Amino acid sequence: MRLNVDLDTVLTLLAQGCYRWLATPLHGFGQAKHKRVDRKFVETPGAIAIESRRRILVHFERRACNPVLREAQLDKDCPPIPWLGNRRLEFGYP
């Protein structure tokens, strides 16, 4: 039996899963709605710098939610990312 599924429905479900995956290690945001996670963490101003052949540094600007990101240690034990030239992701805070 063939099942027709619209691409926008599939992408919406994938995005919601990604927001849930991101929010899970963030203290106090495990059950937060995707709009709140987006507003607090995804739409965060900052800069990305490729400093060497080994790492990519994401530097966040000063915000109240930075302690939550720092506590979650999302970049700890980050494996090399093959499609970024086997570079490791690191976060920097002011």
C-alpha atoms as a PDB file:
ATOM      1  CA  MET A   1       0.000   0.000   0.000  1.00  0.00           C
ATOM      2  CA  ARG A   2       1.409   3.370  -1.014  1.00  0.00           C
ATOM      3  CA  LEU A   3       1.082   6.261   1.345  1.00  0.00           C
ATOM      4  CA  ASN A   4       1.329   9.806   0.062  1.00  0.00           C
ATOM      5  CA  VAL A   5       2.901  12.174   2.567  1.00  0.00           C
ATOM      6  CA  ASP A   6       3.525  15.824   1.864  1.00  0.00           C
ATOM      7  CA  LEU A   7       7.108  16.990   2.132  1.00  0.00           C
ATOM      8  CA  ASP A   8       6.178  19.922   4.370  1.00  0.00           C
ATOM      9  CA  THR A   9       4.554  17.536   6.864  1.00  0.00           C
ATOM     10  CA  VAL A  10       7.662  15.365   6.997  1.00  0.00           C
ATOM     11  CA  LEU A  11       9.959  18.388   7.409  1.00  0.00           C
ATOM     12  CA  THR A  12       7.742  19.768  10.181  1.00  0.00           C
ATOM     13  CA  LEU A  13       7.942  16.489  12.086  1.00  0.00           C
ATOM     14  CA  LEU A  14      11.717  16.337  11.633  1.00  0.00           C
ATOM     15  CA  ALA A  15      12.075  19.920  12.875  1.00  0.00           C
ATOM     16  CA  GLN A  16       9.966  19.220  15.952  1.00  0.00           C
ATOM     17  CA  GLY A  17      12.136  16.190  16.702  1.00  0.00           C
ATOM     18  CA  CYS A  18      15.285  18.308  16.363  1.00  0.00           C
ATOM     19  CA  TYR A  19      13.909  20.944  18.749  1.00  0.00           C
ATOM     20  CA  ARG A  20      13.057  18.209  21.262  1.00  0.00           C
ATOM     21  CA  TRP A  21      16.555  16.731  20.874  1.00  0.00           C
ATOM     22  CA  LEU A  22      18.095  20.173  21.497  1.00  0.00           C
ATOM     23  CA  ALA A  23      15.870  20.997  24.486  1.00  0.00           C
ATOM     24  CA  THR A  24      16.366  17.709  26.343  1.00  0.00           C
ATOM     25  CA  PRO A  25      19.828  18.450  27.860  1.00  0.00           C
ATOM     26  CA  LEU A  26      18.970  22.109  28.599  1.00  0.00           C
ATOM     27  CA  HIS A  27      18.068  22.415  32.287  1.00  0.00           C
ATOM     28  CA  GLY A  28      14.490  23.656  32.642  1.00  0.00           C
ATOM     29  CA  PHE A  29      13.675  23.383  28.940  1.00  0.00           C
ATOM     30  CA  GLY A  30      13.012  19.652  28.590  1.00  0.00           C
ATOM     31  CA  GLN A  31       9.268  20.190  28.179  1.00  0.00           C
ATOM     32  CA  ALA A  32       9.437  23.644  26.544  1.00  0.00           C
ATOM     33  CA  LYS A  33       7.523  24.340  23.350  1.00  0.00           C
ATOM     34  CA  HIS A  34       9.539  24.581  20.148  1.00  0.00           C
ATOM     35  CA  LYS A  35       8.843  28.328  19.795  1.00  0.00           C
ATOM     36  CA  ARG A  36      10.406  29.038  23.182  1.00  0.00           C
ATOM     37  CA  VAL A  37      13.480  26.920  22.418  1.00  0.00           C
ATOM     38  CA  ASP A  38      13.834  28.685  19.069  1.00  0.00           C
ATOM     39  CA  ARG A  39      13.532  32.146  20.615  1.00  0.00           C
ATOM     40  CA  LYS A  40      15.961  31.447  23.472  1.00  0.00           C
ATOM     41  CA  PHE A  41      18.642  29.336  21.784  1.00  0.00           C
ATOM     42  CA  VAL A  42      18.359  28.992  18.009  1.00  0.00           C
ATOM     43  CA  GLU A  43      17.869  32.691  17.220  1.00  0.00           C
ATOM     44  CA  THR A  44      20.829  33.631  19.406  1.00  0.00           C
ATOM     45  CA  PRO A  45      23.194  36.199  17.898  1.00  0.00           C
ATOM     46  CA  GLY A  46      26.812  35.226  17.611  1.00  0.00           C
ATOM     47  CA  ALA A  47      29.669  34.516  15.250  1.00  0.00           C
ATOM     48  CA  ILE A  48      31.121  31.389  13.685  1.00  0.00           C
ATOM     49  CA  ALA A  49      34.848  31.173  13.072  1.00  0.00           C
ATOM     50  CA  ILE A  50      36.803  28.399  11.414  1.00  0.00           C
ATOM     51  CA  GLU A  51      40.001  28.858  13.395  1.00  0.00           C
ATOM     52  CA  SER A  52      41.998  25.922  12.158  1.00  0.00           C
ATOM     53  CA  ARG A  53      41.668  22.688  10.289  1.00  0.00           C
ATOM     54  CA  ARG A  54      40.612  21.036  13.530  1.00  0.00           C
ATOM     55  CA  ARG A  55      37.824  23.159  15.041  1.00  0.00           C
ATOM     56  CA  ILE A  56      34.904  25.450  14.401  1.00  0.00           C
ATOM     57  CA  LEU A  57      34.239  27.981  17.154  1.00  0.00           C
ATOM     58  CA  VAL A  58      30.698  29.248  17.701  1.00  0.00           C
ATOM     59  CA  HIS A  59      30.952  32.390  19.833  1.00  0.00           C
ATOM     60  CA  PHE A  60      27.688  33.490  21.459  1.00  0.00           C
ATOM     61  CA  GLU A  61      26.972  37.083  22.404  1.00  0.00           C
ATOM     62  CA  ARG A  62      26.150  37.936  26.008  1.00  0.00           C
ATOM     63  CA  ARG A  63      22.645  36.701  26.890  1.00  0.00           C
ATOM     64  CA  ALA A  64      20.794  35.523  29.965  1.00  0.00           C
ATOM     65  CA  CYS A  65      20.446  31.976  28.564  1.00  0.00           C
ATOM     66  CA  ASN A  66      24.201  31.424  28.113  1.00  0.00           C
ATOM     67  CA  PRO A  67      24.570  29.760  31.560  1.00  0.00           C
ATOM     68  CA  VAL A  68      22.001  27.151  30.501  1.00  0.00           C
ATOM     69  CA  LEU A  69      23.970  26.432  27.309  1.00  0.00           C
ATOM     70  CA  ARG A  70      27.250  26.328  29.227  1.00  0.00           C
ATOM     71  CA  GLU A  71      25.797  23.905  31.792  1.00  0.00           C
ATOM     72  CA  ALA A  72      24.451  21.569  29.078  1.00  0.00           C
ATOM     73  CA  GLN A  73      27.949  21.233  27.537  1.00  0.00           C
ATOM     74  CA  LEU A  74      26.528  20.427  24.110  1.00  0.00           C
ATOM     75  CA  ASP A  75      29.990  20.546  22.552  1.00  0.00           C
ATOM     76  CA  LYS A  76      31.623  18.234  25.103  1.00  0.00           C
ATOM     77  CA  ASP A  77      32.915  15.038  23.513  1.00  0.00           C
ATOM     78  CA  CYS A  78      31.757  16.242  20.112  1.00  0.00           C
ATOM     79  CA  PRO A  79      33.019  13.812  17.481  1.00  0.00           C
ATOM     80  CA  PRO A  80      34.590  15.157  14.287  1.00  0.00           C
ATOM     81  CA  ILE A  81      31.931  16.148  11.776  1.00  0.00           C
ATOM     82  CA  PRO A  82      32.767  14.487   8.442  1.00  0.00           C
ATOM     83  CA  TRP A  83      30.869  16.894   6.198  1.00  0.00           C
ATOM     84  CA  LEU A  84      32.714  19.837   7.822  1.00  0.00           C
ATOM     85  CA  GLY A  85      36.153  18.478   7.002  1.00  0.00           C
ATOM     86  CA  ASN A  86      36.382  16.391  10.216  1.00  0.00           C
ATOM     87  CA  ARG A  87      36.403  19.532  12.347  1.00  0.00           C
ATOM     88  CA  ARG A  88      35.154  19.589  15.936  1.00  0.00           C
ATOM     89  CA  LEU A  89      32.510  22.026  17.133  1.00  0.00           C
ATOM     90  CA  GLU A  90      33.311  24.218  20.144  1.00  0.00           C
ATOM     91  CA  PHE A  91      31.291  26.934  21.850  1.00  0.00           C
ATOM     92  CA  GLY A  92      32.681  30.193  23.219  1.00  0.00           C
ATOM     93  CA  TYR A  93      30.959  32.474  25.710  1.00  0.00           C
ATOM     94  CA  PRO A  94      31.730  36.061  26.732  1.00  0.00           C
END
